[in-house]
Amino acid sequence: MKVLITGANGQLGRALVKRLQGCQILALGSADMDITDCKKTFQTIVSYRPEAVIHAAAYTSVDAAETDVHLAYAVNAIGTQNVAAACLECRAKLVYVSTDYVFDGLLGRAYHEFDQTNPQSVYGKSKLAGERLARHIVNRLFIVRTSWLYGDGNNFVKTMLRLGQEKEELRVVNDQYGCPTNVADLAGVIVQLIEGKRYGVYHAANFGVTTWFDFARKIFALTGNQQIRLLPQSTSELGRPAPRPAYSPLHNFMLELTYGQQMRPWEEALNEYLAI
């Protein structure tokens, strides 16, 4: 299969490149293709004529987006529009990687693909705008929502491991609930999707629910760091500019209905990641 990956230098992009070994891949980072440049994006994608495009490039600075609204929408909405238009021209399948932040976190249970979206942050709104634009343009579309990613790159797990060596005490948010997701597992789901034609919206997160606080506690337990003192902290105490959904675990309902499968528990995926 001939596959083009945007955002190839990110955690998911790197995992996809590894997972797609044996395929013909064009892996593009932001320096290789500015997705906000419509003409160049169109030319790059159409000239390569991929069978599938995995659009993992995004503006992901959640707090900065609250003031940098123009750039957040330029990348997440207009950039996606440009990629989708090129996919329409060359009849390529498109995977648009989205987020749990398209939900408000008020439902009180895990969100499945048919639940109402209601993003509260600029980041979430811009990612939902990308979903809607992609839907308007292409039919061969997979929207894959995920959450709390970690892999090869900067992420919460690595931050905790670093701070655990530097500090004796850490305060971690304990009132946000979600699904930590290993990018290797997410990449596996995406590859499975592009090999078929069962288009639609999919949630893809490791199974289970936790808080950032308990996520951190599990990280230190698995790495044998029992000396660090963890203290719970509320989101309001943290004082971040962007609102976060308080309860946004993802239920991989479409994976269950379509493929009869569920992703493995987040604890198992984390254990494997830390053992590498």
Protein backbone atom coordinates (compact mmCIF):
# COMPACT_ATOMS: atom_id res chain seq x y z
CA MET A 1 0.00 0.00 0.00
CA LYS A 2 1.14 3.51 -0.80
CA VAL A 3 0.65 5.74 2.26
CA LEU A 4 1.35 9.41 2.99
CA ILE A 5 1.66 10.49 6.63
CA THR A 6 1.40 14.10 7.82
CA GLY A 7 2.83 15.00 11.21
CA ALA A 8 5.39 12.24 10.75
CA ASN A 9 7.77 13.69 13.36
CA GLY A 10 5.20 13.42 16.15
CA GLN A 11 4.64 10.51 18.50
CA LEU A 12 1.91 8.94 16.37
CA GLY A 13 3.73 9.67 13.12
CA ARG A 14 6.82 7.81 14.31
CA ALA A 15 4.72 4.85 15.46
CA LEU A 16 2.94 4.73 12.09
CA VAL A 17 6.21 4.69 10.18
CA LYS A 18 7.34 1.69 12.23
CA ARG A 19 3.99 -0.06 11.84
CA LEU A 20 3.87 0.46 8.08
CA GLN A 21 7.28 -1.01 7.32
CA GLY A 22 6.93 -2.94 4.11
CA CYS A 23 4.58 -0.35 2.63
CA GLN A 24 5.58 2.50 0.36
CA ILE A 25 5.57 5.49 2.72
CA LEU A 26 5.99 9.23 2.30
CA ALA A 27 6.44 10.57 5.84
CA LEU A 28 6.13 14.35 6.01
CA GLY A 29 6.84 16.64 8.94
CA SER A 30 5.91 20.31 9.19
CA ALA A 31 9.20 21.30 7.56
CA ASP A 32 8.40 19.11 4.57
CA MET A 33 4.84 20.30 3.94
CA ASP A 34 2.98 23.26 5.43
CA ILE A 35 -0.60 22.02 5.43
CA THR A 36 -1.90 25.60 5.71
CA ASP A 37 -0.47 26.26 2.23
CA CYS A 38 -3.28 24.99 0.02
CA LYS A 39 -1.39 24.98 -3.29
CA LYS A 40 1.73 23.21 -2.00
CA THR A 41 -0.26 20.70 0.03
CA PHE A 42 -2.38 19.85 -3.00
CA GLN A 43 0.65 19.51 -5.25
CA THR A 44 2.59 17.36 -2.80
CA ILE A 45 -0.20 14.90 -2.12
CA VAL A 46 -1.59 14.66 -5.63
CA SER A 47 1.85 14.18 -7.20
CA TYR A 48 2.53 11.27 -4.82
CA ARG A 49 -0.90 9.75 -5.49
CA PRO A 50 -1.21 7.75 -2.25
CA GLU A 51 -3.83 5.10 -1.66
CA ALA A 52 -4.25 6.41 1.89
CA VAL A 53 -3.35 9.59 3.75
CA ILE A 54 -3.02 9.49 7.55
CA HIS A 55 -3.43 13.07 8.70
CA ALA A 56 -1.72 13.21 12.10
CA ALA A 57 -0.41 16.80 11.83
CA ALA A 58 -2.16 19.16 14.23
CA TYR A 59 -1.89 22.22 16.43
CA THR A 60 -1.93 20.59 19.88
CA SER A 61 -0.93 23.37 22.29
CA VAL A 62 -4.21 23.37 24.21
CA ASP A 63 -3.54 26.42 26.38
CA ALA A 64 -1.76 28.49 23.73
CA ALA A 65 -4.71 27.98 21.38
CA GLU A 66 -6.90 30.10 23.66
CA THR A 67 -5.02 33.19 22.49
CA ASP A 68 -3.52 31.87 19.24
CA VAL A 69 -6.96 31.20 17.77
CA HIS A 70 -6.01 32.05 14.20
CA LEU A 71 -3.16 29.54 14.02
CA ALA A 72 -5.14 26.79 15.77
CA TYR A 73 -7.91 27.00 13.17
CA ALA A 74 -5.47 27.53 10.31
CA VAL A 75 -3.75 24.23 11.12
CA ASN A 76 -6.57 22.07 12.48
CA ALA A 77 -9.41 23.26 10.26
CA ILE A 78 -8.01 24.82 7.09
CA GLY A 79 -5.01 22.48 7.02
CA THR A 80 -7.39 19.53 7.18
CA GLN A 81 -9.52 21.06 4.44
CA ASN A 82 -6.43 21.28 2.22
CA VAL A 83 -5.41 17.68 2.89
CA ALA A 84 -8.95 16.44 2.30
CA ALA A 85 -9.24 18.30 -1.00
CA ALA A 86 -6.07 16.64 -2.23
CA CYS A 87 -7.39 13.23 -1.14
CA LEU A 88 -10.58 13.86 -3.11
CA GLU A 89 -8.54 14.64 -6.22
CA CYS A 90 -6.46 11.45 -6.08
CA ARG A 91 -9.24 9.26 -4.58
CA ALA A 92 -7.17 8.43 -1.51
CA LYS A 93 -8.60 7.18 1.76
CA LEU A 94 -8.20 9.76 4.53
CA VAL A 95 -7.63 9.17 8.23
CA TYR A 96 -8.18 12.30 10.31
CA VAL A 97 -6.83 11.95 13.85
CA SER A 98 -9.05 13.77 16.33
CA THR A 99 -9.43 14.05 20.09
CA ASP A 100 -11.59 13.50 23.18
CA TYR A 101 -11.57 17.30 23.57
CA VAL A 102 -14.45 17.49 21.07
CA PHE A 103 -16.63 16.53 24.09
CA ASP A 104 -17.49 18.69 27.10
CA GLY A 105 -16.89 15.97 29.70
CA LEU A 106 -20.31 16.36 31.34
CA LEU A 107 -21.99 13.13 30.22
CA GLY A 108 -20.92 11.10 33.25
CA ARG A 109 -19.87 8.02 31.27
CA ALA A 110 -17.44 7.11 28.51
CA TYR A 111 -18.26 8.74 25.17
CA HIS A 112 -19.04 6.60 22.15
CA GLU A 113 -18.99 7.73 18.54
CA PHE A 114 -22.70 8.62 18.42
CA ASP A 115 -22.68 10.97 21.40
CA GLN A 116 -23.15 14.69 20.91
CA THR A 117 -19.96 16.74 20.59
CA ASN A 118 -19.63 20.01 22.49
CA PRO A 119 -16.01 21.21 22.72
CA GLN A 120 -15.22 23.86 25.32
CA SER A 121 -11.69 24.88 24.32
CA VAL A 122 -10.40 26.52 21.14
CA TYR A 123 -8.28 23.44 20.56
CA GLY A 124 -11.32 21.16 20.77
CA LYS A 125 -13.42 23.45 18.60
CA SER A 126 -10.73 23.65 15.93
CA LYS A 127 -10.34 19.86 15.86
CA LEU A 128 -14.10 19.43 15.51
CA ALA A 129 -14.04 21.96 12.69
CA GLY A 130 -11.45 19.74 10.98
CA GLU A 131 -13.75 16.73 11.39
CA ARG A 132 -16.65 18.59 9.80
CA LEU A 133 -14.65 19.93 6.88
CA ALA A 134 -13.23 16.48 6.13
CA ARG A 135 -16.75 15.00 6.16
CA HIS A 136 -17.97 17.61 3.68
CA ILE A 137 -15.15 16.89 1.24
CA VAL A 138 -14.34 13.16 1.19
CA ASN A 139 -16.39 9.97 1.38
CA ARG A 140 -13.47 7.61 2.01
CA LEU A 141 -12.95 8.95 5.50
CA PHE A 142 -11.98 7.55 8.87
CA ILE A 143 -12.22 9.98 11.79
CA VAL A 144 -10.21 8.46 14.64
CA ARG A 145 -10.61 10.10 18.04
CA THR A 146 -8.08 9.25 20.72
CA SER A 147 -6.75 10.59 24.02
CA TRP A 148 -3.81 11.01 26.40
CA LEU A 149 -1.18 9.76 23.96
CA TYR A 150 2.33 8.66 24.87
CA GLY A 151 5.09 7.21 22.72
CA ASP A 152 8.36 8.33 21.15
CA GLY A 153 8.42 12.04 21.99
CA ASN A 154 7.45 14.47 24.74
CA ASN A 155 4.55 13.16 26.80
CA PHE A 156 3.15 12.83 30.32
CA VAL A 157 4.92 9.55 31.04
CA LYS A 158 8.36 10.95 30.23
CA THR A 159 7.61 14.14 32.14
CA MET A 160 6.68 12.14 35.25
CA LEU A 161 9.81 9.99 34.97
CA ARG A 162 12.00 13.09 34.68
CA LEU A 163 10.32 14.93 37.56
CA GLY A 164 10.47 11.77 39.65
CA GLN A 165 14.26 11.96 39.46
CA GLU A 166 14.39 15.69 40.19
CA LYS A 167 11.81 16.16 42.94
CA GLU A 168 10.68 14.52 46.16
CA GLU A 169 7.10 15.73 45.86
CA LEU A 170 4.74 16.20 42.91
CA ARG A 171 1.24 17.64 42.64
CA VAL A 172 -0.85 16.01 39.91
CA VAL A 173 -4.41 16.72 38.75
CA ASN A 174 -6.91 14.26 40.22
CA ASP A 175 -10.26 15.46 38.82
CA GLN A 176 -9.79 14.82 35.10
CA TYR A 177 -10.66 11.32 33.88
CA GLY A 178 -9.58 9.78 30.60
CA CYS A 179 -7.90 6.92 28.76
CA PRO A 180 -4.09 6.87 28.50
CA THR A 181 -3.24 5.49 25.07
CA ASN A 182 -0.04 3.94 23.77
CA VAL A 183 0.59 5.27 20.24
CA ALA A 184 1.79 1.84 19.13
CA ASP A 185 -1.71 0.49 19.81
CA LEU A 186 -3.34 3.46 18.10
CA ALA A 187 -1.12 2.99 15.04
CA GLY A 188 -2.19 -0.64 14.86
CA VAL A 189 -5.87 0.36 14.77
CA ILE A 190 -5.27 2.96 12.07
CA VAL A 191 -3.41 0.50 9.86
CA GLN A 192 -6.24 -2.00 10.29
CA LEU A 193 -8.75 0.64 9.23
CA ILE A 194 -6.95 1.76 6.07
CA GLU A 195 -6.62 -1.85 4.94
CA GLY A 196 -10.42 -1.97 4.68
CA LYS A 197 -13.32 0.21 3.56
CA ARG A 198 -15.45 0.40 6.68
CA TYR A 199 -15.44 4.18 6.80
CA GLY A 200 -16.77 6.28 9.67
CA VAL A 201 -15.97 7.70 13.08
CA TYR A 202 -13.96 5.49 15.43
CA HIS A 203 -12.80 5.94 18.99
CA ALA A 204 -9.42 4.33 19.62
CA ALA A 205 -8.10 4.49 23.17
CA ASN A 206 -6.71 1.84 25.47
CA PHE A 207 -9.38 0.23 27.65
CA GLY A 208 -10.10 1.61 31.10
CA VAL A 209 -10.46 4.91 32.93
CA THR A 210 -8.08 6.76 35.22
CA THR A 211 -7.07 10.23 36.38
CA TRP A 212 -3.77 11.97 35.71
CA PHE A 213 -2.96 11.41 39.40
CA ASP A 214 -3.54 7.66 39.27
CA PHE A 215 -1.80 7.50 35.90
CA ALA A 216 1.27 9.05 37.53
CA ARG A 217 1.00 6.70 40.51
CA LYS A 218 0.96 3.71 38.16
CA ILE A 219 4.00 5.02 36.27
CA PHE A 220 6.03 5.24 39.48
CA ALA A 221 4.79 1.87 40.72
CA LEU A 222 5.83 0.15 37.50
CA THR A 223 9.27 1.79 37.54
CA GLY A 224 9.90 1.05 41.20
CA ASN A 225 9.98 4.67 42.36
CA GLN A 226 8.31 4.48 45.77
CA GLN A 227 10.13 7.50 47.21
CA ILE A 228 8.26 10.18 45.28
CA ARG A 229 5.39 11.77 47.21
CA LEU A 230 2.33 12.39 45.03
CA LEU A 231 -0.29 14.93 46.07
CA PRO A 232 -3.68 15.33 44.36
CA GLN A 233 -4.49 18.69 42.82
CA SER A 234 -7.69 20.08 41.33
CA THR A 235 -7.90 21.50 37.82
CA SER A 236 -8.95 24.87 39.24
CA GLU A 237 -5.86 24.95 41.46
CA LEU A 238 -3.67 24.37 38.41
CA GLY A 239 -5.10 27.51 36.77
CA ARG A 240 -4.65 26.60 33.12
CA PRO A 241 -6.14 28.99 30.48
CA ALA A 242 -8.01 26.34 28.49
CA PRO A 243 -10.96 24.41 29.91
CA ARG A 244 -10.49 20.62 29.96
CA PRO A 245 -13.25 18.01 29.88
CA ALA A 246 -13.54 16.60 33.40
CA TYR A 247 -14.69 13.15 32.28
CA SER A 248 -13.87 12.20 28.70
CA PRO A 249 -12.96 8.50 28.52
CA LEU A 250 -13.60 7.09 25.06
CA HIS A 251 -15.66 3.97 24.46
CA ASN A 252 -14.39 2.21 21.32
CA PHE A 253 -17.94 1.30 20.36
CA MET A 254 -17.41 1.27 16.59
CA LEU A 255 -14.38 -1.02 16.88
CA GLU A 256 -16.56 -3.41 18.88
CA LEU A 257 -19.46 -3.23 16.42
CA THR A 258 -17.39 -3.34 13.23
CA TYR A 259 -14.44 -5.55 14.12
CA GLY A 260 -15.59 -7.25 17.31
CA GLN A 261 -12.54 -6.10 19.19
CA GLN A 262 -11.45 -3.85 22.03
CA MET A 263 -8.05 -2.30 22.66
CA ARG A 264 -6.05 -3.73 25.57
CA PRO A 265 -6.14 -2.22 29.07
CA TRP A 266 -4.14 0.95 29.54
CA GLU A 267 -2.16 -0.59 32.41
CA GLU A 268 -0.92 -3.41 30.17
CA ALA A 269 0.00 -1.01 27.37
CA LEU A 270 1.86 1.26 29.82
CA ASN A 271 3.77 -1.66 31.31
CA GLU A 272 4.99 -2.69 27.87
CA TYR A 273 5.99 0.88 27.02
CA LEU A 274 8.02 1.27 30.22
CA ALA A 275 9.73 -2.08 29.69
CA ILE A 276 11.19 -1.05 26.32
